[in-house]
C-alpha atoms as a PDB file:
ATOM      1  CA  UNK A   1      94.600  88.737  59.441  1.00  0.00           C
ATOM      2  CA  UNK A   2      95.502  92.427  59.781  1.00  0.00           C
ATOM      3  CA  UNK A   3      92.195  93.468  58.204  1.00  0.00           C
ATOM      4  CA  UNK A   4      90.366  91.151  60.632  1.00  0.00           C
ATOM      5  CA  UNK A   5      92.094  92.705  63.651  1.00  0.00           C
ATOM      6  CA  UNK A   6      91.288  96.192  62.407  1.00  0.00           C
ATOM      7  CA  UNK A   7      87.641  95.186  61.984  1.00  0.00           C
ATOM      8  CA  UNK A   8      87.550  93.846  65.577  1.00  0.00           C
ATOM      9  CA  UNK A   9      89.070  97.044  66.910  1.00  0.00           C
ATOM     10  CA  UNK A  10      86.532  99.114  64.948  1.00  0.00           C
ATOM     11  CA  UNK A  11      83.611  97.068  66.327  1.00  0.00           C
ATOM     12  CA  UNK A  12      84.907  97.461  69.913  1.00  0.00           C
ATOM     13  CA  UNK A  13      85.300 101.186  69.366  1.00  0.00           C
ATOM     14  CA  UNK A  14      81.760 101.572  68.045  1.00  0.00           C
ATOM     15  CA  UNK A  15      80.075  99.484  70.749  1.00  0.00           C
ATOM     16  CA  UNK A  16      78.485 101.526  73.565  1.00  0.00           C
ATOM     17  CA  UNK A  17      80.478 101.580  76.782  1.00  0.00           C
ATOM     18  CA  UNK A  18      77.614 100.084  78.750  1.00  0.00           C
ATOM     19  CA  UNK A  19      78.190  96.689  77.086  1.00  0.00           C
ATOM     20  CA  UNK A  20      81.513  96.231  78.830  1.00  0.00           C
ATOM     21  CA  UNK A  21      81.733  95.125  82.431  1.00  0.00           C
ATOM     22  CA  UNK A  22      82.710  97.726  84.968  1.00  0.00           C
ATOM     23  CA  UNK A  23      86.036  96.899  86.637  1.00  0.00           C
ATOM     24  CA  UNK A  24      87.153  98.480  89.932  1.00  0.00           C
ATOM     25  CA  UNK A  25      90.533  98.475  91.621  1.00  0.00           C
ATOM     26  CA  UNK A  26      89.239  97.862  95.124  1.00  0.00           C
ATOM     27  CA  UNK A  27      91.883  96.856  97.633  1.00  0.00           C
ATOM     28  CA  UNK A  28      89.828  96.845 100.825  1.00  0.00           C
ATOM     29  CA  UNK A  29      88.347  99.202 103.389  1.00  0.00           C
ATOM     30  CA  UNK A  30      91.701 100.475 104.731  1.00  0.00           C
ATOM     31  CA  UNK A  31      92.886 101.488 101.273  1.00  0.00           C
ATOM     32  CA  UNK A  32      89.515 103.117 100.563  1.00  0.00           C
ATOM     33  CA  UNK A  33      89.766 105.072 103.799  1.00  0.00           C
ATOM     34  CA  UNK A  34      93.300 106.250 102.987  1.00  0.00           C
ATOM     35  CA  UNK A  35      92.636 107.380  99.430  1.00  0.00           C
ATOM     36  CA  UNK A  36      89.353 109.171 100.284  1.00  0.00           C
ATOM     37  CA  UNK A  37      89.097 112.787 101.368  1.00  0.00           C
ATOM     38  CA  UNK A  38      85.648 112.325 102.890  1.00  0.00           C
ATOM     39  CA  UNK A  39      84.465 109.219 104.799  1.00  0.00           C
ATOM     40  CA  UNK A  40      81.152 109.172 106.691  1.00  0.00           C
ATOM     41  CA  UNK A  41      78.163 107.099 107.606  1.00  0.00           C
ATOM     42  CA  UNK A  42      75.279 109.065 106.168  1.00  0.00           C
ATOM     43  CA  UNK A  43      71.621 108.823 105.186  1.00  0.00           C
ATOM     44  CA  UNK A  44      70.839 109.944 101.666  1.00  0.00           C
ATOM     45  CA  UNK A  45      67.833 112.241 101.991  1.00  0.00           C
ATOM     46  CA  UNK A  46      67.241 113.372  98.401  1.00  0.00           C
ATOM     47  CA  UNK A  47      68.859 112.839  94.969  1.00  0.00           C
ATOM     48  CA  UNK A  48      68.484 115.157  91.971  1.00  0.00           C
ATOM     49  CA  UNK A  49      70.191 115.184  88.546  1.00  0.00           C
ATOM     50  CA  UNK A  50      73.131 117.563  88.158  1.00  0.00           C
ATOM     51  CA  UNK A  51      71.861 120.421  85.965  1.00  0.00           C
ATOM     52  CA  UNK A  52      75.245 120.963  84.295  1.00  0.00           C
ATOM     53  CA  UNK A  53      76.805 117.479  84.007  1.00  0.00           C
ATOM     54  CA  UNK A  54      74.841 114.347  83.095  1.00  0.00           C
ATOM     55  CA  UNK A  55      77.553 112.162  84.631  1.00  0.00           C
ATOM     56  CA  UNK A  56      76.567 113.280  88.143  1.00  0.00           C
ATOM     57  CA  UNK A  57      73.665 113.527  90.543  1.00  0.00           C
ATOM     58  CA  UNK A  58      73.446 115.779  93.588  1.00  0.00           C
ATOM     59  CA  UNK A  59      72.735 114.190  96.958  1.00  0.00           C
ATOM     60  CA  UNK A  60      71.379 115.827 100.083  1.00  0.00           C
ATOM     61  CA  UNK A  61      72.799 113.843 103.026  1.00  0.00           C
ATOM     62  CA  UNK A  62      72.456 113.652 106.788  1.00  0.00           C
ATOM     63  CA  UNK A  63      75.745 112.638 108.430  1.00  0.00           C
ATOM     64  CA  UNK A  64      75.443 110.069 111.220  1.00  0.00           C
ATOM     65  CA  UNK A  65      79.179 109.565 111.882  1.00  0.00           C
ATOM     66  CA  UNK A  66      82.005 111.552 110.294  1.00  0.00           C
ATOM     67  CA  UNK A  67      85.260 109.598 110.046  1.00  0.00           C
ATOM     68  CA  UNK A  68      87.380 111.794 107.757  1.00  0.00           C
ATOM     69  CA  UNK A  69      87.028 115.197 106.150  1.00  0.00           C
ATOM     70  CA  UNK A  70      84.718 118.155 106.705  1.00  0.00           C
ATOM     71  CA  UNK A  71      81.026 118.234 107.639  1.00  0.00           C
ATOM     72  CA  UNK A  72      78.898 118.276 104.504  1.00  0.00           C
ATOM     73  CA  UNK A  73      75.192 118.422 103.762  1.00  0.00           C
ATOM     74  CA  UNK A  74      75.554 117.851 100.005  1.00  0.00           C
ATOM     75  CA  UNK A  75      77.775 115.691  97.890  1.00  0.00           C
ATOM     76  CA  UNK A  76      78.045 114.592  94.264  1.00  0.00           C
ATOM     77  CA  UNK A  77      77.316 111.085  93.088  1.00  0.00           C
ATOM     78  CA  UNK A  78      79.209 109.938  89.975  1.00  0.00           C
ATOM     79  CA  UNK A  79      76.181 108.175  88.590  1.00  0.00           C
ATOM     80  CA  UNK A  80      77.413 107.555  84.987  1.00  0.00           C
ATOM     81  CA  UNK A  81      74.057 105.964  84.191  1.00  0.00           C
ATOM     82  CA  UNK A  82      74.843 105.354  80.495  1.00  0.00           C
ATOM     83  CA  UNK A  83      77.825 103.136  81.303  1.00  0.00           C
ATOM     84  CA  UNK A  84      78.417  99.743  82.916  1.00  0.00           C
ATOM     85  CA  UNK A  85      79.580 101.637  86.006  1.00  0.00           C
ATOM     86  CA  UNK A  86      76.117 103.165  86.424  1.00  0.00           C
ATOM     87  CA  UNK A  87      75.405 103.873  90.103  1.00  0.00           C
ATOM     88  CA  UNK A  88      72.486 105.606  91.790  1.00  0.00           C
ATOM     89  CA  UNK A  89      71.611 104.866  95.459  1.00  0.00           C
ATOM     90  CA  UNK A  90      68.043 104.950  96.713  1.00  0.00           C
ATOM     91  CA  UNK A  91      66.757 107.917  98.672  1.00  0.00           C
ATOM     92  CA  UNK A  92      66.413 107.207 102.402  1.00  0.00           C
ATOM     93  CA  UNK A  93      69.125 104.542 102.229  1.00  0.00           C
ATOM     94  CA  UNK A  94      72.111 104.648 104.628  1.00  0.00           C
ATOM     95  CA  UNK A  95      75.704 104.331 103.414  1.00  0.00           C
ATOM     96  CA  UNK A  96      79.286 104.438 104.474  1.00  0.00           C
ATOM     97  CA  UNK A  97      80.521 106.894 101.863  1.00  0.00           C
ATOM     98  CA  UNK A  98      84.065 107.024 100.571  1.00  0.00           C
ATOM     99  CA  UNK A  99      84.433 110.158  98.429  1.00  0.00           C
ATOM    100  CA  UNK A 100      87.414 111.589  96.539  1.00  0.00           C
ATOM    101  CA  UNK A 101      88.017 114.556  94.294  1.00  0.00           C
ATOM    102  CA  UNK A 102      88.293 113.863  90.564  1.00  0.00           C
ATOM    103  CA  UNK A 103      88.453 116.628  87.999  1.00  0.00           C
ATOM    104  CA  UNK A 104      87.718 119.121  90.764  1.00  0.00           C
ATOM    105  CA  UNK A 105      84.576 117.378  91.996  1.00  0.00           C
ATOM    106  CA  UNK A 106      84.243 115.603  95.345  1.00  0.00           C
ATOM    107  CA  UNK A 107      82.083 112.562  94.641  1.00  0.00           C
ATOM    108  CA  UNK A 108      81.475 108.872  95.283  1.00  0.00           C
ATOM    109  CA  UNK A 109      80.423 106.220  92.800  1.00  0.00           C
ATOM    110  CA  UNK A 110      80.461 102.581  91.737  1.00  0.00           C
ATOM    111  CA  UNK A 111      84.199 102.160  92.321  1.00  0.00           C
ATOM    112  CA  UNK A 112      84.670 104.270  95.416  1.00  0.00           C
ATOM    113  CA  UNK A 113      84.162 101.355  97.852  1.00  0.00           C
ATOM    114  CA  UNK A 114      81.035 102.895  99.405  1.00  0.00           C
ATOM    115  CA  UNK A 115      78.683 100.446 101.169  1.00  0.00           C
ATOM    116  CA  UNK A 116      74.958 100.454 101.745  1.00  0.00           C
ATOM    117  CA  UNK A 117      74.672  99.327 105.353  1.00  0.00           C
ATOM    118  CA  UNK A 118      70.892  98.889 105.370  1.00  0.00           C
ATOM    119  CA  UNK A 119      70.765  96.725 102.259  1.00  0.00           C
ATOM    120  CA  UNK A 120      68.047  94.030 102.223  1.00  0.00           C
ATOM    121  CA  UNK A 121      68.138  90.448 100.935  1.00  0.00           C
ATOM    122  CA  UNK A 122      65.623  87.771 100.026  1.00  0.00           C
ATOM    123  CA  UNK A 123      65.622  85.606 103.145  1.00  0.00           C
ATOM    124  CA  UNK A 124      64.279  82.597 101.270  1.00  0.00           C
ATOM    125  CA  UNK A 125      66.730  82.618  98.381  1.00  0.00           C
ATOM    126  CA  UNK A 126      69.661  83.906 100.446  1.00  0.00           C
ATOM    127  CA  UNK A 127      68.987  82.850 104.085  1.00  0.00           C
ATOM    128  CA  UNK A 128      72.441  83.865 105.423  1.00  0.00           C
ATOM    129  CA  UNK A 129      73.013  86.995 103.347  1.00  0.00           C
ATOM    130  CA  UNK A 130      71.682  89.551 105.842  1.00  0.00           C
ATOM    131  CA  UNK A 131      73.723  88.129 108.733  1.00  0.00           C
ATOM    132  CA  UNK A 132      76.898  87.843 106.640  1.00  0.00           C
ATOM    133  CA  UNK A 133      76.553  91.371 105.263  1.00  0.00           C
ATOM    134  CA  UNK A 134      75.842  92.668 108.752  1.00  0.00           C
ATOM    135  CA  UNK A 135      79.081  91.079 109.985  1.00  0.00           C
ATOM    136  CA  UNK A 136      81.013  92.557 107.047  1.00  0.00           C
ATOM    137  CA  UNK A 137      79.661  96.042 107.724  1.00  0.00           C
ATOM    138  CA  UNK A 138      80.448  95.714 111.443  1.00  0.00           C
ATOM    139  CA  UNK A 139      84.034  94.706 110.697  1.00  0.00           C
ATOM    140  CA  UNK A 140      84.688  97.416 108.106  1.00  0.00           C
ATOM    141  CA  UNK A 141      82.997 100.141 110.146  1.00  0.00           C
ATOM    142  CA  UNK A 142      84.979  99.059 113.204  1.00  0.00           C
ATOM    143  CA  UNK A 143      88.231  99.378 111.258  1.00  0.00           C
ATOM    144  CA  UNK A 144      87.572 102.904 109.981  1.00  0.00           C
ATOM    145  CA  UNK A 145      86.301 103.962 113.413  1.00  0.00           C
ATOM    146  CA  UNK A 146      89.574 102.807 114.919  1.00  0.00           C
ATOM    147  CA  UNK A 147      91.590 104.748 112.351  1.00  0.00           C
ATOM    148  CA  UNK A 148      89.457 107.862 112.788  1.00  0.00           C
ATOM    149  CA  UNK A 149      89.549 107.763 116.607  1.00  0.00           C
ATOM    150  CA  UNK A 150      93.355 107.421 116.542  1.00  0.00           C
ATOM    151  CA  UNK A 151      93.694 110.095 113.807  1.00  0.00           C
ATOM    152  CA  UNK A 152      95.501 107.612 111.529  1.00  0.00           C
ATOM    153  CA  UNK A 153      94.418 108.970 108.161  1.00  0.00           C
ATOM    154  CA  UNK A 154      97.287 107.402 106.149  1.00  0.00           C
ATOM    155  CA  UNK A 155      97.725 103.895 107.520  1.00  0.00           C
ATOM    156  CA  UNK A 156      99.825 102.691 104.590  1.00  0.00           C
ATOM    157  CA  UNK A 157     101.270 105.711 102.725  1.00  0.00           C
ATOM    158  CA  UNK A 158     103.980 103.612 101.037  1.00  0.00           C
ATOM    159  CA  UNK A 159     101.525 101.000  99.677  1.00  0.00           C
ATOM    160  CA  UNK A 160     103.334  98.122 101.421  1.00  0.00           C
ATOM    161  CA  UNK A 161     102.057  94.595 100.842  1.00  0.00           C
ATOM    162  CA  UNK A 162     101.999  92.268 103.889  1.00  0.00           C
ATOM    163  CA  UNK A 163     102.084  88.451 103.804  1.00  0.00           C
ATOM    164  CA  UNK A 164     102.017  85.837 106.542  1.00  0.00           C
ATOM    165  CA  UNK A 165     101.634  82.167 105.500  1.00  0.00           C
ATOM    166  CA  UNK A 166     100.932  81.094 109.069  1.00  0.00           C
ATOM    167  CA  UNK A 167      97.995  83.406 109.917  1.00  0.00           C
ATOM    168  CA  UNK A 168      95.524  81.336 107.911  1.00  0.00           C
ATOM    169  CA  UNK A 169      96.280  78.211 109.969  1.00  0.00           C
ATOM    170  CA  UNK A 170      94.937  79.695 113.199  1.00  0.00           C
ATOM    171  CA  UNK A 171      91.419  78.275 112.944  1.00  0.00           C
ATOM    172  CA  UNK A 172      88.670  77.339 115.374  1.00  0.00           C
ATOM    173  CA  UNK A 173      89.426  79.890 118.082  1.00  0.00           C
ATOM    174  CA  UNK A 174      86.661  81.794 119.874  1.00  0.00           C
ATOM    175  CA  UNK A 175      87.096  85.535 120.099  1.00  0.00           C
ATOM    176  CA  UNK A 176      84.785  88.462 120.795  1.00  0.00           C
ATOM    177  CA  UNK A 177      86.298  91.348 118.829  1.00  0.00           C
ATOM    178  CA  UNK A 178      86.670  91.626 115.064  1.00  0.00           C
ATOM    179  CA  UNK A 179      90.297  92.569 114.603  1.00  0.00           C
ATOM    180  CA  UNK A 180      93.717  93.219 116.049  1.00  0.00           C
ATOM    181  CA  UNK A 181      95.892  96.121 114.879  1.00  0.00           C
ATOM    182  CA  UNK A 182      99.691  96.321 114.550  1.00  0.00           C
ATOM    183  CA  UNK A 183     102.063  99.164 113.828  1.00  0.00           C
ATOM    184  CA  UNK A 184     104.998  97.898 111.754  1.00  0.00           C
ATOM    185  CA  UNK A 185     108.064 100.077 111.381  1.00  0.00           C
ATOM    186  CA  UNK A 186     109.714  99.134 108.118  1.00  0.00           C
ATOM    187  CA  UNK A 187     113.320  99.609 106.977  1.00  0.00           C
ATOM    188  CA  UNK A 188     114.039 100.834 103.444  1.00  0.00           C
ATOM    189  CA  UNK A 189     114.845  97.223 102.316  1.00  0.00           C
ATOM    190  CA  UNK A 190     111.430  95.983 103.605  1.00  0.00           C
ATOM    191  CA  UNK A 191     112.935  94.345 106.657  1.00  0.00           C
ATOM    192  CA  UNK A 192     111.040  94.932 109.899  1.00  0.00           C
ATOM    193  CA  UNK A 193     112.547  97.387 112.401  1.00  0.00           C
ATOM    194  CA  UNK A 194     109.862  96.995 115.090  1.00  0.00           C
ATOM    195  CA  UNK A 195     106.299  95.762 115.644  1.00  0.00           C
ATOM    196  CA  UNK A 196     103.926  97.261 118.204  1.00  0.00           C
ATOM    197  CA  UNK A 197     100.383  96.051 118.890  1.00  0.00           C
ATOM    198  CA  UNK A 198      97.816  98.841 118.987  1.00  0.00           C
ATOM    199  CA  UNK A 199      94.730  96.663 119.547  1.00  0.00           C
ATOM    200  CA  UNK A 200      94.635  93.108 120.876  1.00  0.00           C
ATOM    201  CA  UNK A 201      92.347  90.126 120.254  1.00  0.00           C
ATOM    202  CA  UNK A 202      90.135  89.390 123.265  1.00  0.00           C
ATOM    203  CA  UNK A 203      91.314  85.754 123.290  1.00  0.00           C
ATOM    204  CA  UNK A 204      94.726  85.941 124.986  1.00  0.00           C
ATOM    205  CA  UNK A 205      96.028  82.643 123.576  1.00  0.00           C
ATOM    206  CA  UNK A 206      95.025  83.620 120.034  1.00  0.00           C
ATOM    207  CA  UNK A 207      96.575  87.046 120.491  1.00  0.00           C
ATOM    208  CA  UNK A 208      99.936  85.577 121.612  1.00  0.00           C
ATOM    209  CA  UNK A 209      99.970  83.207 118.630  1.00  0.00           C
ATOM    210  CA  UNK A 210      99.287  86.013 116.218  1.00  0.00           C
ATOM    211  CA  UNK A 211     101.769  88.457 117.740  1.00  0.00           C
ATOM    212  CA  UNK A 212     104.547  85.831 117.746  1.00  0.00           C
ATOM    213  CA  UNK A 213     103.715  84.946 114.171  1.00  0.00           C
ATOM    214  CA  UNK A 214     103.852  88.599 113.170  1.00  0.00           C
ATOM    215  CA  UNK A 215     107.366  88.865 114.628  1.00  0.00           C
ATOM    216  CA  UNK A 216     108.672  85.725 112.861  1.00  0.00           C
ATOM    217  CA  UNK A 217     106.564  85.050 109.743  1.00  0.00           C
ATOM    218  CA  UNK A 218     105.550  88.486 108.456  1.00  0.00           C
ATOM    219  CA  UNK A 219     107.071  89.445 105.090  1.00  0.00           C
ATOM    220  CA  UNK A 220     106.673  92.751 103.309  1.00  0.00           C
ATOM    221  CA  UNK A 221     106.982  93.900  99.684  1.00  0.00           C
ATOM    222  CA  UNK A 222     106.278  96.915  97.560  1.00  0.00           C
ATOM    223  CA  UNK A 223     103.140  97.368  95.515  1.00  0.00           C
ATOM    224  CA  UNK A 224     103.769  96.151  91.956  1.00  0.00           C
ATOM    225  CA  UNK A 225     107.432  95.545  92.844  1.00  0.00           C
ATOM    226  CA  UNK A 226     108.128  99.167  93.701  1.00  0.00           C
ATOM    227  CA  UNK A 227     111.158  99.848  95.951  1.00  0.00           C
ATOM    228  CA  UNK A 228     110.591 101.516  99.287  1.00  0.00           C
ATOM    229  CA  UNK A 229     113.540 103.904  99.247  1.00  0.00           C
ATOM    230  CA  UNK A 230     113.248 105.091 102.850  1.00  0.00           C
ATOM    231  CA  UNK A 231     111.902 103.809 106.193  1.00  0.00           C
ATOM    232  CA  UNK A 232     108.126 103.765 106.500  1.00  0.00           C
ATOM    233  CA  UNK A 233     105.297 102.892 108.832  1.00  0.00           C
ATOM    234  CA  UNK A 234     102.477 100.430 108.144  1.00  0.00           C
ATOM    235  CA  UNK A 235      99.263 100.030 110.172  1.00  0.00           C
ATOM    236  CA  UNK A 236      98.191  96.444 109.673  1.00  0.00           C
ATOM    237  CA  UNK A 237      94.797  94.964 110.538  1.00  0.00           C
ATOM    238  CA  UNK A 238      94.365  91.250 111.218  1.00  0.00           C
ATOM    239  CA  UNK A 239      90.653  90.347 110.947  1.00  0.00           C
ATOM    240  CA  UNK A 240      88.858  87.624 112.870  1.00  0.00           C
ATOM    241  CA  UNK A 241      86.011  85.787 111.155  1.00  0.00           C
ATOM    242  CA  UNK A 242      83.769  83.777 113.420  1.00  0.00           C
ATOM    243  CA  UNK A 243      82.558  80.244 112.725  1.00  0.00           C
ATOM    244  CA  UNK A 244      79.910  80.097 110.007  1.00  0.00           C
ATOM    245  CA  UNK A 245      78.086  76.760 109.951  1.00  0.00           C
ATOM    246  CA  UNK A 246      80.603  74.000 109.358  1.00  0.00           C
ATOM    247  CA  UNK A 247      83.370  76.509 108.526  1.00  0.00           C
ATOM    248  CA  UNK A 248      85.748  77.184 111.417  1.00  0.00           C
ATOM    249  CA  UNK A 249      86.705  80.662 112.537  1.00  0.00           C
ATOM    250  CA  UNK A 250      89.809  82.004 110.795  1.00  0.00           C
ATOM    251  CA  UNK A 251      92.081  85.042 110.460  1.00  0.00           C
ATOM    252  CA  UNK A 252      93.021  87.145 107.442  1.00  0.00           C
ATOM    253  CA  UNK A 253      94.666  90.446 106.503  1.00  0.00           C
ATOM    254  CA  UNK A 254      91.769  90.990 104.046  1.00  0.00           C
ATOM    255  CA  UNK A 255      88.305  92.291 104.861  1.00  0.00           C
ATOM    256  CA  UNK A 256      85.642  90.291 103.005  1.00  0.00           C
END
């Protein structure tokens, strides 16, 4: 049995990395915004291989909207083409780029959370894909625009997890805007010191239901069971998803 296990380990070691699925720790657009040093909507003008490091490509970009960081005309792409995380956008495509520094290089790649906002879909095979993706982009871009405009660059510095079992039951409401935003002041034991609403839902009845639920049903916890240690602040988004066919509108803390 031991020899068999050693043989399996040897085979796994010798197999090329590209045969294994790429796994990303993606926790949503707010987390991507917080952990990134540079966030922008940009058009990728030209891409060329990095002359010194085969893991990267160089991208010439034209910034449309800058949400976080400094104005740039060039940025690195962690392309990693010989792995399962291989990633290389098309020239003349438009993206919301989330870029961070790793090993001294500011770059974005497969696991950065970046989104192509002008992606196209086969309308015959996937008739609703373009509309659904458009709604997703609108919601996520709206969220990072709100954070940028209010200069909230660390909306959840203590990595607090939020739960509300009642939010998912508010279905079938009509509403014109994509999300509401709350500032939650948190005590060191994860109890709630205060809640303030920074952005309301357009539907007044829905907004009252959500705000009351936030005050009575919201529970908080640390990421991976970590203690908080000291009071903190959490900026929490509650997203509205409109009716889609037979599926009623609903609310969630997660962007999808």
